[in-house]
C-alpha cells in the first residue's frame, strides 16, 4: 500500500484551532498545545454563558414587571395571577418591554 502523510489535514486542523484562539494573549494564540486547551475551555465557558444569560434576563424581566406593577398599586404575583385567570397569554419578555417602554399600556393591562 502507498504511504499517506496527511499533511494537509494536519495543517487545516491547526489553522482552525489557531483561528478560534485569535486575539488571546501570550502563547495561547500561537502555540498549538496551549491553543487547543484554551479553545476547549473557551467553548465550555461560552456554553455556560449562554445559559446564564437566559437566567439573568428572566430575573431582569421579573424585576421590571414587578416595579411597574408596584407603580400601579399591585404586586408582581397578583398581577401574574390575574393575567392567568383572564387567559391573557403574554410572556414575561413582552410584558417587561411593555412595562419599560409603554407604561400607559401596562396600566391598562393592570386595570384589565
C-alpha atoms as a PDB file:
ATOM      1  CA  UNK A   1       0.000   0.000   0.000  1.00  0.00           C
ATOM      2  CA  UNK A   2       1.202   3.522  -0.711  1.00  0.00           C
ATOM      3  CA  UNK A   3       2.231   5.804   2.103  1.00  0.00           C
ATOM      4  CA  UNK A   4      -0.237   8.529   3.210  1.00  0.00           C
ATOM      5  CA  UNK A   5       1.236  11.511   5.031  1.00  0.00           C
ATOM      6  CA  UNK A   6      -1.910  13.555   5.845  1.00  0.00           C
ATOM      7  CA  UNK A   7      -0.058  16.883   5.874  1.00  0.00           C
ATOM      8  CA  UNK A   8      -2.966  18.944   4.603  1.00  0.00           C
ATOM      9  CA  UNK A   9      -5.390  17.690   7.249  1.00  0.00           C
ATOM     10  CA  UNK A  10      -2.852  18.369   9.990  1.00  0.00           C
ATOM     11  CA  UNK A  11      -2.302  21.939   8.794  1.00  0.00           C
ATOM     12  CA  UNK A  12      -6.038  22.525   8.355  1.00  0.00           C
ATOM     13  CA  UNK A  13      -6.760  21.352  11.910  1.00  0.00           C
ATOM     14  CA  UNK A  14      -4.030  23.579  13.373  1.00  0.00           C
ATOM     15  CA  UNK A  15      -5.213  26.620  11.411  1.00  0.00           C
ATOM     16  CA  UNK A  16      -8.762  26.041  12.681  1.00  0.00           C
ATOM     17  CA  UNK A  17      -7.602  25.883  16.303  1.00  0.00           C
ATOM     18  CA  UNK A  18      -5.433  28.987  15.931  1.00  0.00           C
ATOM     19  CA  UNK A  19      -8.329  30.841  14.275  1.00  0.00           C
ATOM     20  CA  UNK A  20     -10.525  30.094  17.307  1.00  0.00           C
ATOM     21  CA  UNK A  21      -7.880  31.429  19.718  1.00  0.00           C
ATOM     22  CA  UNK A  22      -7.074  34.546  17.701  1.00  0.00           C
ATOM     23  CA  UNK A  23      -6.907  37.537  19.991  1.00  0.00           C
ATOM     24  CA  UNK A  24      -5.941  35.579  23.100  1.00  0.00           C
ATOM     25  CA  UNK A  25      -2.822  36.562  24.992  1.00  0.00           C
ATOM     26  CA  UNK A  26       0.661  35.040  25.136  1.00  0.00           C
ATOM     27  CA  UNK A  27       1.183  31.506  23.842  1.00  0.00           C
ATOM     28  CA  UNK A  28      -2.489  30.654  23.646  1.00  0.00           C
ATOM     29  CA  UNK A  29      -2.742  32.418  20.295  1.00  0.00           C
ATOM     30  CA  UNK A  30       0.300  30.839  18.670  1.00  0.00           C
ATOM     31  CA  UNK A  31       1.259  27.531  20.308  1.00  0.00           C
ATOM     32  CA  UNK A  32      -0.880  24.564  19.324  1.00  0.00           C
ATOM     33  CA  UNK A  33      -0.843  22.754  22.676  1.00  0.00           C
ATOM     34  CA  UNK A  34      -1.863  25.852  24.630  1.00  0.00           C
ATOM     35  CA  UNK A  35      -4.299  26.966  21.936  1.00  0.00           C
ATOM     36  CA  UNK A  36      -6.146  23.639  21.960  1.00  0.00           C
ATOM     37  CA  UNK A  37      -6.788  23.739  25.717  1.00  0.00           C
ATOM     38  CA  UNK A  38      -7.741  27.423  25.529  1.00  0.00           C
ATOM     39  CA  UNK A  39     -10.202  26.770  22.685  1.00  0.00           C
ATOM     40  CA  UNK A  40     -11.870  23.898  24.565  1.00  0.00           C
ATOM     41  CA  UNK A  41     -12.153  25.937  27.746  1.00  0.00           C
ATOM     42  CA  UNK A  42     -13.494  28.948  25.845  1.00  0.00           C
ATOM     43  CA  UNK A  43     -16.148  26.747  24.265  1.00  0.00           C
ATOM     44  CA  UNK A  44     -17.217  25.383  27.633  1.00  0.00           C
ATOM     45  CA  UNK A  45     -17.436  28.881  29.100  1.00  0.00           C
ATOM     46  CA  UNK A  46     -19.428  30.111  26.097  1.00  0.00           C
ATOM     47  CA  UNK A  47     -21.924  27.274  26.546  1.00  0.00           C
ATOM     48  CA  UNK A  48     -22.342  28.048  30.251  1.00  0.00           C
ATOM     49  CA  UNK A  49     -22.569  31.776  29.490  1.00  0.00           C
ATOM     50  CA  UNK A  50     -25.481  31.269  27.119  1.00  0.00           C
ATOM     51  CA  UNK A  51     -27.441  29.550  29.902  1.00  0.00           C
ATOM     52  CA  UNK A  52     -26.506  32.245  32.438  1.00  0.00           C
ATOM     53  CA  UNK A  53     -27.631  34.964  30.032  1.00  0.00           C
ATOM     54  CA  UNK A  54     -31.103  33.435  29.854  1.00  0.00           C
ATOM     55  CA  UNK A  55     -31.247  33.178  33.652  1.00  0.00           C
ATOM     56  CA  UNK A  56     -30.145  36.793  34.153  1.00  0.00           C
ATOM     57  CA  UNK A  57     -32.582  38.114  31.553  1.00  0.00           C
ATOM     58  CA  UNK A  58     -35.508  36.300  33.174  1.00  0.00           C
ATOM     59  CA  UNK A  59     -34.662  37.873  36.538  1.00  0.00           C
ATOM     60  CA  UNK A  60     -34.390  41.304  34.923  1.00  0.00           C
ATOM     61  CA  UNK A  61     -37.764  40.853  33.239  1.00  0.00           C
ATOM     62  CA  UNK A  62     -39.400  39.875  36.513  1.00  0.00           C
ATOM     63  CA  UNK A  63     -37.901  42.927  38.238  1.00  0.00           C
ATOM     64  CA  UNK A  64     -39.190  45.239  35.514  1.00  0.00           C
ATOM     65  CA  UNK A  65     -42.698  43.781  35.668  1.00  0.00           C
ATOM     66  CA  UNK A  66     -42.693  43.909  39.464  1.00  0.00           C
ATOM     67  CA  UNK A  67     -41.580  47.543  39.556  1.00  0.00           C
ATOM     68  CA  UNK A  68     -44.219  48.566  37.026  1.00  0.00           C
ATOM     69  CA  UNK A  69     -46.859  46.622  38.936  1.00  0.00           C
ATOM     70  CA  UNK A  70     -45.900  48.443  42.152  1.00  0.00           C
ATOM     71  CA  UNK A  71     -46.395  51.761  40.380  1.00  0.00           C
ATOM     72  CA  UNK A  72     -49.929  50.605  39.561  1.00  0.00           C
ATOM     73  CA  UNK A  73     -50.711  49.567  43.166  1.00  0.00           C
ATOM     74  CA  UNK A  74     -50.438  45.788  42.819  1.00  0.00           C
ATOM     75  CA  UNK A  75     -47.788  43.149  43.338  1.00  0.00           C
ATOM     76  CA  UNK A  76     -45.992  41.000  40.780  1.00  0.00           C
ATOM     77  CA  UNK A  77     -47.651  37.783  41.929  1.00  0.00           C
ATOM     78  CA  UNK A  78     -51.179  39.262  41.962  1.00  0.00           C
ATOM     79  CA  UNK A  79     -50.640  40.769  38.528  1.00  0.00           C
ATOM     80  CA  UNK A  80     -49.401  37.488  37.005  1.00  0.00           C
ATOM     81  CA  UNK A  81     -52.221  35.585  38.704  1.00  0.00           C
ATOM     82  CA  UNK A  82     -54.859  37.924  37.286  1.00  0.00           C
ATOM     83  CA  UNK A  83     -53.353  37.582  33.791  1.00  0.00           C
ATOM     84  CA  UNK A  84     -53.544  33.792  34.023  1.00  0.00           C
ATOM     85  CA  UNK A  85     -57.145  33.881  35.285  1.00  0.00           C
ATOM     86  CA  UNK A  86     -58.196  36.118  32.381  1.00  0.00           C
ATOM     87  CA  UNK A  87     -56.274  33.952  29.846  1.00  0.00           C
ATOM     88  CA  UNK A  88     -54.036  36.806  28.737  1.00  0.00           C
ATOM     89  CA  UNK A  89     -51.080  34.857  27.381  1.00  0.00           C
ATOM     90  CA  UNK A  90     -48.240  37.369  27.241  1.00  0.00           C
ATOM     91  CA  UNK A  91     -44.815  36.079  28.207  1.00  0.00           C
ATOM     92  CA  UNK A  92     -42.533  37.881  30.638  1.00  0.00           C
ATOM     93  CA  UNK A  93     -40.276  39.248  27.914  1.00  0.00           C
ATOM     94  CA  UNK A  94     -43.151  41.057  26.178  1.00  0.00           C
ATOM     95  CA  UNK A  95     -44.603  42.248  29.486  1.00  0.00           C
ATOM     96  CA  UNK A  96     -41.249  43.711  30.566  1.00  0.00           C
ATOM     97  CA  UNK A  97     -40.895  45.528  27.237  1.00  0.00           C
ATOM     98  CA  UNK A  98     -44.403  46.975  27.629  1.00  0.00           C
ATOM     99  CA  UNK A  99     -43.673  47.920  31.240  1.00  0.00           C
ATOM    100  CA  UNK A 100     -40.461  49.773  30.410  1.00  0.00           C
ATOM    101  CA  UNK A 101     -41.384  51.411  27.092  1.00  0.00           C
ATOM    102  CA  UNK A 102     -45.173  51.872  27.265  1.00  0.00           C
ATOM    103  CA  UNK A 103     -46.274  52.464  30.882  1.00  0.00           C
ATOM    104  CA  UNK A 104     -49.742  53.651  29.838  1.00  0.00           C
ATOM    105  CA  UNK A 105     -50.439  50.379  28.039  1.00  0.00           C
ATOM    106  CA  UNK A 106     -49.138  48.471  31.065  1.00  0.00           C
ATOM    107  CA  UNK A 107     -51.513  50.426  33.308  1.00  0.00           C
ATOM    108  CA  UNK A 108     -54.424  49.332  31.088  1.00  0.00           C
ATOM    109  CA  UNK A 109     -53.246  45.740  31.405  1.00  0.00           C
ATOM    110  CA  UNK A 110     -53.275  46.066  35.200  1.00  0.00           C
ATOM    111  CA  UNK A 111     -56.791  47.509  35.106  1.00  0.00           C
ATOM    112  CA  UNK A 112     -57.957  44.646  32.893  1.00  0.00           C
END
